[in-house]
Amino acid sequence: MLGTNVKAEITSLMDKRSALESEMNSIIARLSQPGAPGLSGNLVDSEGFPRSDIDVPLVRAERRRLAELRNDYTDITDKINQNIQILHSARLAGNNRSPPLKNSGNDDGSDIQTSSTVASTPSQNVLLSLSPNSMDVDVMVSRTFAVVDEITDASPAVEDGLQLGDQILKFGNVEAGDNLHERLASEAQSSMGQTVPVVIMRQGTVINLPVTPRTWQGRGLLGCHFRIL
C-alpha cells in the first residue's frame, strides 16, 4: 500500500514538473528570440534609458516568473527524490525478507533469486523515468547541473539537436560537481572534432544526444551557453 501511494505521488509530481518545464521553455524561447534581450541582457540603452525596442516591464515580469518557476522546479525535484528513496528503502526491506527461489529444474541445486534491485544513489543525485504500466523506476541518472539558456541559429549545438531549455545531466565525462564552467570548457576543447556523448533532460524525458564541438563561423565550439544550476 505504501509503495502504491508513493508511486502515485511521484507520478503526480512528475506531471507538475513537466508542466513547469514547458512554461520555462516557453519563456526562454520568447526571451531568446531575435531582437529580444535574452535571460540576462541589458534593458537599458547606451545612455542609460530603458530600451525602446522591447517591452521592458514585460521582460522583467517574464524573468521574474522564470525565477519563480525554477525555484518551484527545484522544490518538486527534491520531493520526487525523497519519494524515490522511500520507495527504494521499502523495496530493499522487502527483498531482504524474501527468501531466494529454488529452480527445481537445475540439477546442481543452485539458487536463483528473482528480485528487482536499484543501485543505491544519494537522493540529491537521482532523476527517474516511470513505466506507465508498472510505475517502476526504470532509469536513474545524475542530477541536472546546467541548462541551455542561449543558442545560436545554424550553430553546431542546433545542428546536433540541442534545444533551448535542455537540461544537462552529463556532458562527456562531466557530471554535477565543482568548477563546472572550467570542466565543460576543457571537455569541449579536448573533444574538438570528436563526438561527445551528452545526456539531457527534455520535457521530463532523458535523451542521449551525441554532440561534436567544432569550429564554425560563430563564437565558441558549440554556439550555445550553459547556465549552471
C-alpha atoms as a PDB file:
ATOM      1  CA  MET A   1       0.000   0.000   0.000  1.00  0.00           C
ATOM      2  CA  LEU A   2       2.865   2.328   0.876  1.00  0.00           C
ATOM      3  CA  GLY A   3       4.560   1.642  -2.465  1.00  0.00           C
ATOM      4  CA  THR A   4       1.370   2.335  -4.409  1.00  0.00           C
ATOM      5  CA  ASN A   5       0.804   5.668  -2.664  1.00  0.00           C
ATOM      6  CA  VAL A   6       4.405   6.751  -3.128  1.00  0.00           C
ATOM      7  CA  LYS A   7       4.397   5.795  -6.817  1.00  0.00           C
ATOM      8  CA  ALA A   8       1.185   7.709  -7.377  1.00  0.00           C
ATOM      9  CA  GLU A   9       2.663  10.782  -5.698  1.00  0.00           C
ATOM     10  CA  ILE A  10       5.834  10.506  -7.813  1.00  0.00           C
ATOM     11  CA  THR A  11       3.745  10.368 -10.972  1.00  0.00           C
ATOM     12  CA  SER A  12       1.733  13.410  -9.893  1.00  0.00           C
ATOM     13  CA  LEU A  13       4.899  15.356  -9.062  1.00  0.00           C
ATOM     14  CA  MET A  14       6.473  14.456 -12.388  1.00  0.00           C
ATOM     15  CA  ASP A  15       3.389  15.724 -14.213  1.00  0.00           C
ATOM     16  CA  LYS A  16       3.682  19.013 -12.322  1.00  0.00           C
ATOM     17  CA  ARG A  17       7.386  19.209 -13.106  1.00  0.00           C
ATOM     18  CA  SER A  18       6.742  18.624 -16.801  1.00  0.00           C
ATOM     19  CA  ALA A  19       4.248  21.488 -16.791  1.00  0.00           C
ATOM     20  CA  LEU A  20       6.871  23.726 -15.167  1.00  0.00           C
ATOM     21  CA  GLU A  21       9.434  22.707 -17.793  1.00  0.00           C
ATOM     22  CA  SER A  22       7.005  23.537 -20.575  1.00  0.00           C
ATOM     23  CA  GLU A  23       6.317  27.012 -19.171  1.00  0.00           C
ATOM     24  CA  MET A  24      10.020  27.663 -18.537  1.00  0.00           C
ATOM     25  CA  ASN A  25      10.918  26.627 -22.082  1.00  0.00           C
ATOM     26  CA  SER A  26       8.249  28.945 -23.496  1.00  0.00           C
ATOM     27  CA  ILE A  27       9.591  31.892 -21.519  1.00  0.00           C
ATOM     28  CA  ILE A  28      13.185  31.097 -22.508  1.00  0.00           C
ATOM     29  CA  ALA A  29      12.153  30.888 -26.171  1.00  0.00           C
ATOM     30  CA  ARG A  30      10.395  34.271 -26.021  1.00  0.00           C
ATOM     31  CA  LEU A  31      13.278  35.982 -24.243  1.00  0.00           C
ATOM     32  CA  SER A  32      15.840  34.473 -26.627  1.00  0.00           C
ATOM     33  CA  GLN A  33      14.147  35.171 -29.963  1.00  0.00           C
ATOM     34  CA  PRO A  34      15.867  37.561 -32.409  1.00  0.00           C
ATOM     35  CA  GLY A  35      15.910  41.103 -31.041  1.00  0.00           C
ATOM     36  CA  ALA A  36      14.980  40.016 -27.537  1.00  0.00           C
ATOM     37  CA  PRO A  37      17.312  40.716 -24.579  1.00  0.00           C
ATOM     38  CA  GLY A  38      17.800  37.082 -23.582  1.00  0.00           C
ATOM     39  CA  LEU A  39      17.779  35.907 -19.988  1.00  0.00           C
ATOM     40  CA  SER A  40      20.288  38.445 -18.708  1.00  0.00           C
ATOM     41  CA  GLY A  41      20.777  41.095 -21.416  1.00  0.00           C
ATOM     42  CA  ASN A  42      20.657  44.809 -20.680  1.00  0.00           C
ATOM     43  CA  LEU A  43      17.286  46.507 -20.541  1.00  0.00           C
ATOM     44  CA  VAL A  44      18.749  49.997 -20.942  1.00  0.00           C
ATOM     45  CA  ASP A  45      20.494  51.607 -23.897  1.00  0.00           C
ATOM     46  CA  SER A  46      23.995  53.083 -24.031  1.00  0.00           C
ATOM     47  CA  GLU A  47      22.701  56.323 -22.476  1.00  0.00           C
ATOM     48  CA  GLY A  48      21.072  54.545 -19.559  1.00  0.00           C
ATOM     49  CA  PHE A  49      17.479  54.892 -20.735  1.00  0.00           C
ATOM     50  CA  PRO A  50      15.025  51.980 -20.996  1.00  0.00           C
ATOM     51  CA  ARG A  51      15.336  50.305 -24.369  1.00  0.00           C
ATOM     52  CA  SER A  52      12.646  51.444 -26.767  1.00  0.00           C
ATOM     53  CA  ASP A  53      12.794  48.322 -28.933  1.00  0.00           C
ATOM     54  CA  ILE A  54      11.478  45.960 -26.261  1.00  0.00           C
ATOM     55  CA  ASP A  55       8.686  45.898 -23.693  1.00  0.00           C
ATOM     56  CA  VAL A  56      10.858  46.357 -20.597  1.00  0.00           C
ATOM     57  CA  PRO A  57       8.094  45.725 -17.986  1.00  0.00           C
ATOM     58  CA  LEU A  58       7.092  42.533 -19.791  1.00  0.00           C
ATOM     59  CA  VAL A  59      10.679  41.287 -19.959  1.00  0.00           C
ATOM     60  CA  ARG A  60      11.147  41.949 -16.256  1.00  0.00           C
ATOM     61  CA  ALA A  61       7.911  40.122 -15.478  1.00  0.00           C
ATOM     62  CA  GLU A  62       8.950  37.126 -17.583  1.00  0.00           C
ATOM     63  CA  ARG A  63      12.369  36.961 -15.961  1.00  0.00           C
ATOM     64  CA  ARG A  64      10.763  37.148 -12.526  1.00  0.00           C
ATOM     65  CA  ARG A  65       8.306  34.399 -13.454  1.00  0.00           C
ATOM     66  CA  LEU A  66      11.157  32.246 -14.761  1.00  0.00           C
ATOM     67  CA  ALA A  67      12.999  32.595 -11.455  1.00  0.00           C
ATOM     68  CA  GLU A  68       9.847  31.542  -9.574  1.00  0.00           C
ATOM     69  CA  LEU A  69       9.379  28.532 -11.846  1.00  0.00           C
ATOM     70  CA  ARG A  70      12.975  27.450 -11.324  1.00  0.00           C
ATOM     71  CA  ASN A  71      12.529  27.564  -7.558  1.00  0.00           C
ATOM     72  CA  ASP A  72       9.321  25.521  -7.835  1.00  0.00           C
ATOM     73  CA  TYR A  73      11.108  23.068 -10.136  1.00  0.00           C
ATOM     74  CA  THR A  74      13.869  22.565  -7.568  1.00  0.00           C
ATOM     75  CA  ASP A  75      11.349  22.007  -4.759  1.00  0.00           C
ATOM     76  CA  ILE A  76       9.377  19.444  -6.767  1.00  0.00           C
ATOM     77  CA  THR A  77      12.551  17.626  -7.826  1.00  0.00           C
ATOM     78  CA  ASP A  78      13.614  17.389  -4.172  1.00  0.00           C
ATOM     79  CA  LYS A  79      10.222  15.891  -3.275  1.00  0.00           C
ATOM     80  CA  ILE A  80      10.499  13.384  -6.114  1.00  0.00           C
ATOM     81  CA  ASN A  81      13.959  12.357  -4.921  1.00  0.00           C
ATOM     82  CA  GLN A  82      12.722  11.928  -1.339  1.00  0.00           C
ATOM     83  CA  ASN A  83       9.896   9.672  -2.526  1.00  0.00           C
ATOM     84  CA  ILE A  84      12.293   7.623  -4.644  1.00  0.00           C
ATOM     85  CA  GLN A  85      14.421   6.997  -1.579  1.00  0.00           C
ATOM     86  CA  ILE A  86      11.335   5.935   0.400  1.00  0.00           C
ATOM     87  CA  LEU A  87      10.351   3.561  -2.404  1.00  0.00           C
ATOM     88  CA  HIS A  88      13.896   2.260  -2.707  1.00  0.00           C
ATOM     89  CA  SER A  89      14.154   1.613   1.042  1.00  0.00           C
ATOM     90  CA  ALA A  90      10.831  -0.241   1.035  1.00  0.00           C
ATOM     91  CA  ARG A  91      11.995  -2.420  -1.842  1.00  0.00           C
ATOM     92  CA  LEU A  92      15.259  -3.272  -0.117  1.00  0.00           C
ATOM     93  CA  ALA A  93      13.383  -4.204   3.042  1.00  0.00           C
ATOM     94  CA  GLY A  94      11.061  -6.419   1.004  1.00  0.00           C
ATOM     95  CA  ASN A  95      13.954  -8.094  -0.795  1.00  0.00           C
ATOM     96  CA  ASN A  96      15.704  -8.831   2.494  1.00  0.00           C
ATOM     97  CA  ARG A  97      12.586 -10.566   3.792  1.00  0.00           C
ATOM     98  CA  SER A  98      12.069 -12.655   0.653  1.00  0.00           C
ATOM     99  CA  PRO A  99      13.955 -15.992   0.545  1.00  0.00           C
ATOM    100  CA  PRO A 100      15.717 -16.921  -2.692  1.00  0.00           C
ATOM    101  CA  LEU A 101      13.694 -19.073  -5.097  1.00  0.00           C
ATOM    102  CA  LYS A 102      14.840 -22.575  -5.983  1.00  0.00           C
ATOM    103  CA  ASN A 103      14.966 -23.601  -9.609  1.00  0.00           C
ATOM    104  CA  SER A 104      13.612 -27.143  -9.453  1.00  0.00           C
ATOM    105  CA  GLY A 105      14.934 -27.869 -12.923  1.00  0.00           C
ATOM    106  CA  ASN A 106      18.539 -27.068 -12.021  1.00  0.00           C
ATOM    107  CA  ASP A 107      20.442 -30.280 -11.409  1.00  0.00           C
ATOM    108  CA  ASP A 108      23.224 -28.618  -9.445  1.00  0.00           C
ATOM    109  CA  GLY A 109      20.750 -27.260  -6.895  1.00  0.00           C
ATOM    110  CA  SER A 110      21.883 -23.669  -7.335  1.00  0.00           C
ATOM    111  CA  ASP A 111      19.651 -20.896  -6.011  1.00  0.00           C
ATOM    112  CA  ILE A 112      18.096 -18.373  -8.399  1.00  0.00           C
ATOM    113  CA  GLN A 113      16.978 -15.202  -6.665  1.00  0.00           C
ATOM    114  CA  THR A 114      14.453 -13.161  -8.629  1.00  0.00           C
ATOM    115  CA  SER A 115      14.422  -9.627  -7.339  1.00  0.00           C
ATOM    116  CA  SER A 116      14.463  -6.179  -8.838  1.00  0.00           C
ATOM    117  CA  THR A 117      17.081  -4.022  -7.129  1.00  0.00           C
ATOM    118  CA  VAL A 118      18.076  -0.460  -7.851  1.00  0.00           C
ATOM    119  CA  ALA A 119      21.588   0.842  -7.306  1.00  0.00           C
ATOM    120  CA  SER A 120      21.833   2.960  -4.179  1.00  0.00           C
ATOM    121  CA  THR A 121      22.263   6.595  -5.158  1.00  0.00           C
ATOM    122  CA  PRO A 122      22.314   9.732  -2.992  1.00  0.00           C
ATOM    123  CA  SER A 123      18.914  11.410  -3.073  1.00  0.00           C
ATOM    124  CA  GLN A 124      20.276  14.650  -4.440  1.00  0.00           C
ATOM    125  CA  ASN A 125      21.650  12.826  -7.480  1.00  0.00           C
ATOM    126  CA  VAL A 126      18.513  10.986  -8.577  1.00  0.00           C
ATOM    127  CA  LEU A 127      16.224  11.544 -11.525  1.00  0.00           C
ATOM    128  CA  LEU A 128      13.946   8.928 -12.984  1.00  0.00           C
ATOM    129  CA  SER A 129      11.623   7.742 -15.681  1.00  0.00           C
ATOM    130  CA  LEU A 130       8.479   5.798 -14.810  1.00  0.00           C
ATOM    131  CA  SER A 131       6.966   2.960 -16.764  1.00  0.00           C
ATOM    132  CA  PRO A 132       3.305   3.856 -17.424  1.00  0.00           C
ATOM    133  CA  ASN A 133       2.183   0.295 -16.743  1.00  0.00           C
ATOM    134  CA  SER A 134       4.200  -0.929 -13.779  1.00  0.00           C
ATOM    135  CA  MET A 135       5.145   2.516 -12.485  1.00  0.00           C
ATOM    136  CA  ASP A 136       8.536   1.075 -11.577  1.00  0.00           C
ATOM    137  CA  VAL A 137      11.698   3.117 -11.536  1.00  0.00           C
ATOM    138  CA  ASP A 138      13.360   2.435 -14.889  1.00  0.00           C
ATOM    139  CA  VAL A 139      16.197   4.946 -15.144  1.00  0.00           C
ATOM    140  CA  MET A 140      18.387   6.512 -12.509  1.00  0.00           C
ATOM    141  CA  VAL A 141      20.952   9.074 -13.581  1.00  0.00           C
ATOM    142  CA  SER A 142      22.857  12.005 -12.152  1.00  0.00           C
ATOM    143  CA  ARG A 143      21.013  15.229 -11.438  1.00  0.00           C
ATOM    144  CA  THR A 144      20.856  18.063 -13.914  1.00  0.00           C
ATOM    145  CA  PHE A 145      23.590  20.635 -13.405  1.00  0.00           C
ATOM    146  CA  ALA A 146      23.143  23.084 -16.283  1.00  0.00           C
ATOM    147  CA  VAL A 147      20.532  24.340 -18.727  1.00  0.00           C
ATOM    148  CA  VAL A 148      20.869  25.622 -22.289  1.00  0.00           C
ATOM    149  CA  ASP A 149      19.698  29.210 -21.888  1.00  0.00           C
ATOM    150  CA  GLU A 150      21.066  30.677 -25.122  1.00  0.00           C
ATOM    151  CA  ILE A 151      21.637  29.048 -28.508  1.00  0.00           C
ATOM    152  CA  THR A 152      22.594  30.486 -31.886  1.00  0.00           C
ATOM    153  CA  ASP A 153      20.909  29.553 -35.159  1.00  0.00           C
ATOM    154  CA  ALA A 154      22.970  27.329 -37.508  1.00  0.00           C
ATOM    155  CA  SER A 155      25.420  26.587 -34.690  1.00  0.00           C
ATOM    156  CA  PRO A 156      26.890  23.120 -34.017  1.00  0.00           C
ATOM    157  CA  ALA A 157      24.601  22.863 -30.989  1.00  0.00           C
ATOM    158  CA  VAL A 158      21.494  23.398 -33.127  1.00  0.00           C
ATOM    159  CA  GLU A 159      22.713  21.113 -35.905  1.00  0.00           C
ATOM    160  CA  ASP A 160      23.441  18.338 -33.392  1.00  0.00           C
ATOM    161  CA  GLY A 161      19.995  18.609 -31.794  1.00  0.00           C
ATOM    162  CA  LEU A 162      20.366  20.699 -28.645  1.00  0.00           C
ATOM    163  CA  GLN A 163      17.438  22.999 -27.859  1.00  0.00           C
ATOM    164  CA  LEU A 164      16.729  25.917 -25.573  1.00  0.00           C
ATOM    165  CA  GLY A 165      15.758  24.678 -22.128  1.00  0.00           C
ATOM    166  CA  ASP A 166      17.567  21.340 -22.421  1.00  0.00           C
ATOM    167  CA  GLN A 167      18.939  20.396 -19.014  1.00  0.00           C
ATOM    168  CA  ILE A 168      22.345  18.745 -18.926  1.00  0.00           C
ATOM    169  CA  LEU A 169      22.767  15.558 -16.933  1.00  0.00           C
ATOM    170  CA  LYS A 170      26.135  14.604 -18.397  1.00  0.00           C
ATOM    171  CA  PHE A 171      28.479  16.194 -20.937  1.00  0.00           C
ATOM    172  CA  GLY A 172      31.171  13.721 -21.905  1.00  0.00           C
ATOM    173  CA  ASN A 173      32.923  12.969 -18.632  1.00  0.00           C
ATOM    174  CA  VAL A 174      31.442  15.986 -16.853  1.00  0.00           C
ATOM    175  CA  GLU A 175      28.707  15.453 -14.299  1.00  0.00           C
ATOM    176  CA  ALA A 176      27.441  17.547 -11.386  1.00  0.00           C
ATOM    177  CA  GLY A 177      30.151  18.882  -9.105  1.00  0.00           C
ATOM    178  CA  ASP A 178      32.513  21.788  -8.658  1.00  0.00           C
ATOM    179  CA  ASN A 179      34.222  24.025 -11.233  1.00  0.00           C
ATOM    180  CA  LEU A 180      31.637  23.152 -13.861  1.00  0.00           C
ATOM    181  CA  HIS A 181      32.396  26.086 -16.181  1.00  0.00           C
ATOM    182  CA  GLU A 182      36.060  25.123 -16.375  1.00  0.00           C
ATOM    183  CA  ARG A 183      35.337  21.410 -16.731  1.00  0.00           C
ATOM    184  CA  LEU A 184      32.781  21.957 -19.503  1.00  0.00           C
ATOM    185  CA  ALA A 185      35.145  24.245 -21.416  1.00  0.00           C
ATOM    186  CA  SER A 186      38.004  21.775 -21.027  1.00  0.00           C
ATOM    187  CA  GLU A 187      35.829  18.856 -22.169  1.00  0.00           C
ATOM    188  CA  ALA A 188      34.723  20.744 -25.295  1.00  0.00           C
ATOM    189  CA  GLN A 189      38.270  21.862 -26.135  1.00  0.00           C
ATOM    190  CA  SER A 190      39.783  18.410 -25.683  1.00  0.00           C
ATOM    191  CA  SER A 191      36.995  16.850 -27.767  1.00  0.00           C
ATOM    192  CA  MET A 192      37.058  19.296 -30.696  1.00  0.00           C
ATOM    193  CA  GLY A 193      36.064  17.441 -33.851  1.00  0.00           C
ATOM    194  CA  GLN A 194      35.091  14.346 -31.859  1.00  0.00           C
ATOM    195  CA  THR A 195      31.683  13.107 -30.798  1.00  0.00           C
ATOM    196  CA  VAL A 196      30.851  13.796 -27.156  1.00  0.00           C
ATOM    197  CA  PRO A 197      28.070  11.734 -25.554  1.00  0.00           C
ATOM    198  CA  VAL A 198      25.646  14.131 -23.898  1.00  0.00           C
ATOM    199  CA  VAL A 199      22.718  13.140 -21.682  1.00  0.00           C
ATOM    200  CA  ILE A 200      19.943  15.713 -21.376  1.00  0.00           C
ATOM    201  CA  MET A 201      16.546  16.037 -19.751  1.00  0.00           C
ATOM    202  CA  ARG A 202      13.898  17.441 -22.119  1.00  0.00           C
ATOM    203  CA  GLN A 203      10.252  17.724 -21.105  1.00  0.00           C
ATOM    204  CA  GLY A 204      10.774  15.088 -18.418  1.00  0.00           C
ATOM    205  CA  THR A 205      12.433  12.628 -20.810  1.00  0.00           C
ATOM    206  CA  VAL A 206      16.069  11.523 -20.620  1.00  0.00           C
ATOM    207  CA  ILE A 207      17.727  11.726 -24.057  1.00  0.00           C
ATOM    208  CA  ASN A 208      21.172  10.593 -25.197  1.00  0.00           C
ATOM    209  CA  LEU A 209      22.468  13.128 -27.714  1.00  0.00           C
ATOM    210  CA  PRO A 210      25.863  12.923 -29.476  1.00  0.00           C
ATOM    211  CA  VAL A 211      27.346  16.404 -29.903  1.00  0.00           C
ATOM    212  CA  THR A 212      30.514  17.361 -31.776  1.00  0.00           C
ATOM    213  CA  PRO A 213      32.322  20.538 -30.656  1.00  0.00           C
ATOM    214  CA  ARG A 214      33.805  22.178 -33.754  1.00  0.00           C
ATOM    215  CA  THR A 215      34.807  25.478 -35.260  1.00  0.00           C
ATOM    216  CA  TRP A 216      32.185  27.381 -37.240  1.00  0.00           C
ATOM    217  CA  GLN A 217      31.541  30.960 -38.308  1.00  0.00           C
ATOM    218  CA  GLY A 218      30.313  31.975 -34.852  1.00  0.00           C
ATOM    219  CA  ARG A 219      31.811  32.083 -31.372  1.00  0.00           C
ATOM    220  CA  GLY A 220      32.825  29.058 -29.370  1.00  0.00           C
ATOM    221  CA  LEU A 221      32.792  25.419 -30.388  1.00  0.00           C
ATOM    222  CA  LEU A 222      29.061  24.830 -29.886  1.00  0.00           C
ATOM    223  CA  GLY A 223      27.352  28.202 -30.241  1.00  0.00           C
ATOM    224  CA  CYS A 224      25.301  27.864 -27.083  1.00  0.00           C
ATOM    225  CA  HIS A 225      25.511  28.904 -23.454  1.00  0.00           C
ATOM    226  CA  PHE A 226      25.103  26.634 -20.441  1.00  0.00           C
ATOM    227  CA  ARG A 227      23.771  28.254 -17.280  1.00  0.00           C
ATOM    228  CA  ILE A 228      24.938  26.357 -14.216  1.00  0.00           C
ATOM    229  CA  LEU A 229      22.048  25.372 -11.939  1.00  0.00           C
END
